[in-house]
Amino acid sequence: MIEYTKGAKYQTTREYTSHVPILGYDVVSNDDWIRLKSDGKLTLKRGYAWDGSSGPTIDTKTCMQASAEHDALSKLMRWELLPRSCKEEVDKRYHDKCLEDGMMKVKADLRVWVLRMVHSYVKPSSIKRIYRAP
């Protein structure tokens, strides 16, 4: 029998490390793909998979790093390894990273506005369903 989830479009081909403004937490994800150190160092292991930016958006080079970071930090909140009170700072990081990577400000503003309207992706009930075959 195989167990799997649906939804991943992208996968890292090497370890990804970035510094994020989420400080004071030293956590490793339940699936061991994500690590956040207390100094804000975020590490996504080689092979980490995510689904790109959410909503009615087109994934572009200017949002790939931001969407991977946002997905990882959101997972940590879903799994209650980070408090949901970090959501605003996580959304702001998405916005700032998009700008840093060359996205037009109006696009980044609109994307983060949508993120701030949606809260369900950080709730434990949003954990992906596990499928089994056969």
C-alpha atoms as a PDB file:
ATOM      1  CA  MET A   1       0.000   0.000   0.000  1.00  0.00           C
ATOM      2  CA  ILE A   2       1.169   3.554  -0.741  1.00  0.00           C
ATOM      3  CA  GLU A   3       0.152   6.686   1.128  1.00  0.00           C
ATOM      4  CA  TYR A   4       0.345  10.113  -0.518  1.00  0.00           C
ATOM      5  CA  THR A   5      -1.074  13.633  -0.576  1.00  0.00           C
ATOM      6  CA  LYS A   6      -2.121  15.792  -3.516  1.00  0.00           C
ATOM      7  CA  GLY A   7      -1.272  19.359  -4.376  1.00  0.00           C
ATOM      8  CA  ALA A   8       2.497  19.759  -4.686  1.00  0.00           C
ATOM      9  CA  LYS A   9       3.646  21.376  -7.928  1.00  0.00           C
ATOM     10  CA  TYR A  10       7.255  22.208  -7.078  1.00  0.00           C
ATOM     11  CA  GLN A  11      10.128  20.502  -5.316  1.00  0.00           C
ATOM     12  CA  THR A  12      13.491  21.870  -4.209  1.00  0.00           C
ATOM     13  CA  THR A  13      16.495  20.292  -5.903  1.00  0.00           C
ATOM     14  CA  ARG A  14      18.860  21.385  -3.145  1.00  0.00           C
ATOM     15  CA  GLU A  15      18.580  22.595   0.414  1.00  0.00           C
ATOM     16  CA  TYR A  16      17.145  26.108   0.672  1.00  0.00           C
ATOM     17  CA  THR A  17      18.099  28.441   3.512  1.00  0.00           C
ATOM     18  CA  SER A  18      16.837  31.934   4.255  1.00  0.00           C
ATOM     19  CA  HIS A  19      16.559  34.249   7.228  1.00  0.00           C
ATOM     20  CA  VAL A  20      12.996  35.164   8.157  1.00  0.00           C
ATOM     21  CA  PRO A  21      11.746  37.598  10.826  1.00  0.00           C
ATOM     22  CA  ILE A  22      10.144  34.840  12.915  1.00  0.00           C
ATOM     23  CA  LEU A  23      12.414  34.755  15.956  1.00  0.00           C
ATOM     24  CA  GLY A  24      12.556  32.834  19.195  1.00  0.00           C
ATOM     25  CA  TYR A  25      11.363  29.445  17.934  1.00  0.00           C
ATOM     26  CA  ASP A  26      13.502  26.360  17.421  1.00  0.00           C
ATOM     27  CA  VAL A  27      11.296  23.819  15.670  1.00  0.00           C
ATOM     28  CA  VAL A  28      11.450  20.970  13.193  1.00  0.00           C
ATOM     29  CA  SER A  29       8.340  20.014  11.209  1.00  0.00           C
ATOM     30  CA  ASN A  30       6.472  16.799  11.888  1.00  0.00           C
ATOM     31  CA  ASP A  31       7.686  15.439   8.543  1.00  0.00           C
ATOM     32  CA  ASP A  32      11.297  16.632   9.079  1.00  0.00           C
ATOM     33  CA  TRP A  33      11.379  18.748   5.856  1.00  0.00           C
ATOM     34  CA  ILE A  34      11.343  22.166   7.575  1.00  0.00           C
ATOM     35  CA  ARG A  35      13.544  23.620  10.304  1.00  0.00           C
ATOM     36  CA  LEU A  36      13.225  27.062  11.873  1.00  0.00           C
ATOM     37  CA  LYS A  37      15.965  28.143  14.274  1.00  0.00           C
ATOM     38  CA  SER A  38      15.480  30.729  17.016  1.00  0.00           C
ATOM     39  CA  ASP A  39      17.613  33.252  15.087  1.00  0.00           C
ATOM     40  CA  GLY A  40      15.160  33.101  12.143  1.00  0.00           C
ATOM     41  CA  LYS A  41      17.162  30.725   9.953  1.00  0.00           C
ATOM     42  CA  LEU A  42      14.645  28.769   7.877  1.00  0.00           C
ATOM     43  CA  THR A  43      15.851  25.603   6.151  1.00  0.00           C
ATOM     44  CA  LEU A  44      13.880  23.544   3.639  1.00  0.00           C
ATOM     45  CA  LYS A  45      15.502  20.201   2.928  1.00  0.00           C
ATOM     46  CA  ARG A  46      16.335  19.038  -0.576  1.00  0.00           C
ATOM     47  CA  GLY A  47      13.138  17.540  -1.975  1.00  0.00           C
ATOM     48  CA  TYR A  48      10.764  19.839  -0.039  1.00  0.00           C
ATOM     49  CA  ALA A  49       7.518  20.092  -2.056  1.00  0.00           C
ATOM     50  CA  TRP A  50       4.991  22.946  -2.147  1.00  0.00           C
ATOM     51  CA  ASP A  51       2.169  24.150  -4.369  1.00  0.00           C
ATOM     52  CA  GLY A  52       3.295  27.667  -5.271  1.00  0.00           C
ATOM     53  CA  SER A  53       1.249  30.764  -4.510  1.00  0.00           C
ATOM     54  CA  SER A  54      -2.344  30.208  -3.488  1.00  0.00           C
ATOM     55  CA  GLY A  55      -5.418  31.727  -5.006  1.00  0.00           C
ATOM     56  CA  PRO A  56      -6.114  32.977  -8.478  1.00  0.00           C
ATOM     57  CA  THR A  57      -2.476  33.852  -9.186  1.00  0.00           C
ATOM     58  CA  ILE A  58       0.143  32.791 -11.670  1.00  0.00           C
ATOM     59  CA  ASP A  59       3.405  31.480 -10.274  1.00  0.00           C
ATOM     60  CA  THR A  60       6.340  33.544 -11.484  1.00  0.00           C
ATOM     61  CA  LYS A  61      10.024  33.713 -10.576  1.00  0.00           C
ATOM     62  CA  THR A  62       9.237  36.690  -8.336  1.00  0.00           C
ATOM     63  CA  CYS A  63       7.075  34.594  -6.001  1.00  0.00           C
ATOM     64  CA  MET A  64       8.765  31.182  -5.903  1.00  0.00           C
ATOM     65  CA  GLN A  65      10.985  31.756  -2.872  1.00  0.00           C
ATOM     66  CA  ALA A  66       8.235  33.682  -1.101  1.00  0.00           C
ATOM     67  CA  SER A  67       5.669  30.938  -1.719  1.00  0.00           C
ATOM     68  CA  ALA A  68       8.023  28.175  -0.546  1.00  0.00           C
ATOM     69  CA  GLU A  69       8.807  30.069   2.664  1.00  0.00           C
ATOM     70  CA  HIS A  70       5.153  30.966   3.240  1.00  0.00           C
ATOM     71  CA  ASP A  71       4.056  27.378   2.672  1.00  0.00           C
ATOM     72  CA  ALA A  72       6.655  26.051   5.111  1.00  0.00           C
ATOM     73  CA  LEU A  73       5.876  28.587   7.845  1.00  0.00           C
ATOM     74  CA  SER A  74       2.136  28.021   7.376  1.00  0.00           C
ATOM     75  CA  LYS A  75       2.680  24.284   7.834  1.00  0.00           C
ATOM     76  CA  LEU A  76       4.473  24.970  11.104  1.00  0.00           C
ATOM     77  CA  MET A  77       1.431  26.965  12.249  1.00  0.00           C
ATOM     78  CA  ARG A  78      -1.005  24.247  11.082  1.00  0.00           C
ATOM     79  CA  TRP A  79       0.952  21.662  13.037  1.00  0.00           C
ATOM     80  CA  GLU A  80       0.929  24.044  16.043  1.00  0.00           C
ATOM     81  CA  LEU A  81       4.728  24.248  16.159  1.00  0.00           C
ATOM     82  CA  LEU A  82       4.388  28.010  15.682  1.00  0.00           C
ATOM     83  CA  PRO A  83       1.520  29.994  17.177  1.00  0.00           C
ATOM     84  CA  ARG A  84      -1.079  31.347  14.757  1.00  0.00           C
ATOM     85  CA  SER A  85      -0.218  34.780  16.100  1.00  0.00           C
ATOM     86  CA  CYS A  86       2.779  34.596  13.695  1.00  0.00           C
ATOM     87  CA  LYS A  87       0.431  34.699  10.674  1.00  0.00           C
ATOM     88  CA  GLU A  88       0.647  38.470  10.169  1.00  0.00           C
ATOM     89  CA  GLU A  89       4.453  38.401  10.221  1.00  0.00           C
ATOM     90  CA  VAL A  90       4.523  35.341   7.918  1.00  0.00           C
ATOM     91  CA  ASP A  91       2.231  37.117   5.431  1.00  0.00           C
ATOM     92  CA  LYS A  92       4.382  40.258   5.628  1.00  0.00           C
ATOM     93  CA  ARG A  93       7.469  38.153   4.909  1.00  0.00           C
ATOM     94  CA  TYR A  94       5.754  36.793   1.788  1.00  0.00           C
ATOM     95  CA  HIS A  95       5.106  40.375   0.625  1.00  0.00           C
ATOM     96  CA  ASP A  96       8.637  41.576   1.371  1.00  0.00           C
ATOM     97  CA  LYS A  97      10.259  38.550  -0.296  1.00  0.00           C
ATOM     98  CA  CYS A  98       8.157  39.068  -3.440  1.00  0.00           C
ATOM     99  CA  LEU A  99       9.351  42.690  -3.594  1.00  0.00           C
ATOM    100  CA  GLU A 100      12.949  41.643  -2.926  1.00  0.00           C
ATOM    101  CA  ASP A 101      12.720  39.186  -5.833  1.00  0.00           C
ATOM    102  CA  GLY A 102      11.436  41.861  -8.247  1.00  0.00           C
ATOM    103  CA  MET A 103       7.642  41.716  -8.088  1.00  0.00           C
ATOM    104  CA  MET A 104       5.804  44.980  -8.762  1.00  0.00           C
ATOM    105  CA  LYS A 105       4.562  46.493  -5.504  1.00  0.00           C
ATOM    106  CA  VAL A 106       0.922  46.599  -6.609  1.00  0.00           C
ATOM    107  CA  LYS A 107       1.000  42.839  -7.295  1.00  0.00           C
ATOM    108  CA  ALA A 108       2.696  42.065  -3.979  1.00  0.00           C
ATOM    109  CA  ASP A 109       0.172  44.283  -2.148  1.00  0.00           C
ATOM    110  CA  LEU A 110      -2.753  42.473  -3.778  1.00  0.00           C
ATOM    111  CA  ARG A 111      -1.332  39.017  -3.038  1.00  0.00           C
ATOM    112  CA  VAL A 112      -0.747  39.759   0.628  1.00  0.00           C
ATOM    113  CA  TRP A 113      -4.209  41.332   0.904  1.00  0.00           C
ATOM    114  CA  VAL A 114      -5.682  38.011  -0.273  1.00  0.00           C
ATOM    115  CA  LEU A 115      -3.515  36.086   2.221  1.00  0.00           C
ATOM    116  CA  ARG A 116      -4.720  38.291   5.050  1.00  0.00           C
ATOM    117  CA  MET A 117      -8.358  37.668   4.129  1.00  0.00           C
ATOM    118  CA  VAL A 118      -7.893  33.887   4.279  1.00  0.00           C
ATOM    119  CA  HIS A 119      -7.102  32.321   7.631  1.00  0.00           C
ATOM    120  CA  SER A 120      -8.015  28.690   6.999  1.00  0.00           C
ATOM    121  CA  TYR A 121      -4.594  27.644   5.687  1.00  0.00           C
ATOM    122  CA  VAL A 122      -3.037  27.976   9.152  1.00  0.00           C
ATOM    123  CA  LYS A 123      -5.681  25.955  10.985  1.00  0.00           C
ATOM    124  CA  PRO A 124      -5.010  22.312  11.886  1.00  0.00           C
ATOM    125  CA  SER A 125      -8.128  21.354   9.904  1.00  0.00           C
ATOM    126  CA  SER A 126      -6.228  22.356   6.731  1.00  0.00           C
ATOM    127  CA  ILE A 127      -3.734  19.521   7.042  1.00  0.00           C
ATOM    128  CA  LYS A 128      -3.738  17.667   3.727  1.00  0.00           C
ATOM    129  CA  ARG A 129      -5.765  14.502   3.432  1.00  0.00           C
ATOM    130  CA  ILE A 130      -3.772  11.286   3.148  1.00  0.00           C
ATOM    131  CA  TYR A 131      -4.793   8.982   0.292  1.00  0.00           C
ATOM    132  CA  ARG A 132      -4.067   5.263   0.124  1.00  0.00           C
ATOM    133  CA  ALA A 133      -3.808   2.885  -2.800  1.00  0.00           C
ATOM    134  CA  PRO A 134      -4.778   0.099  -3.255  1.00  0.00           C
END
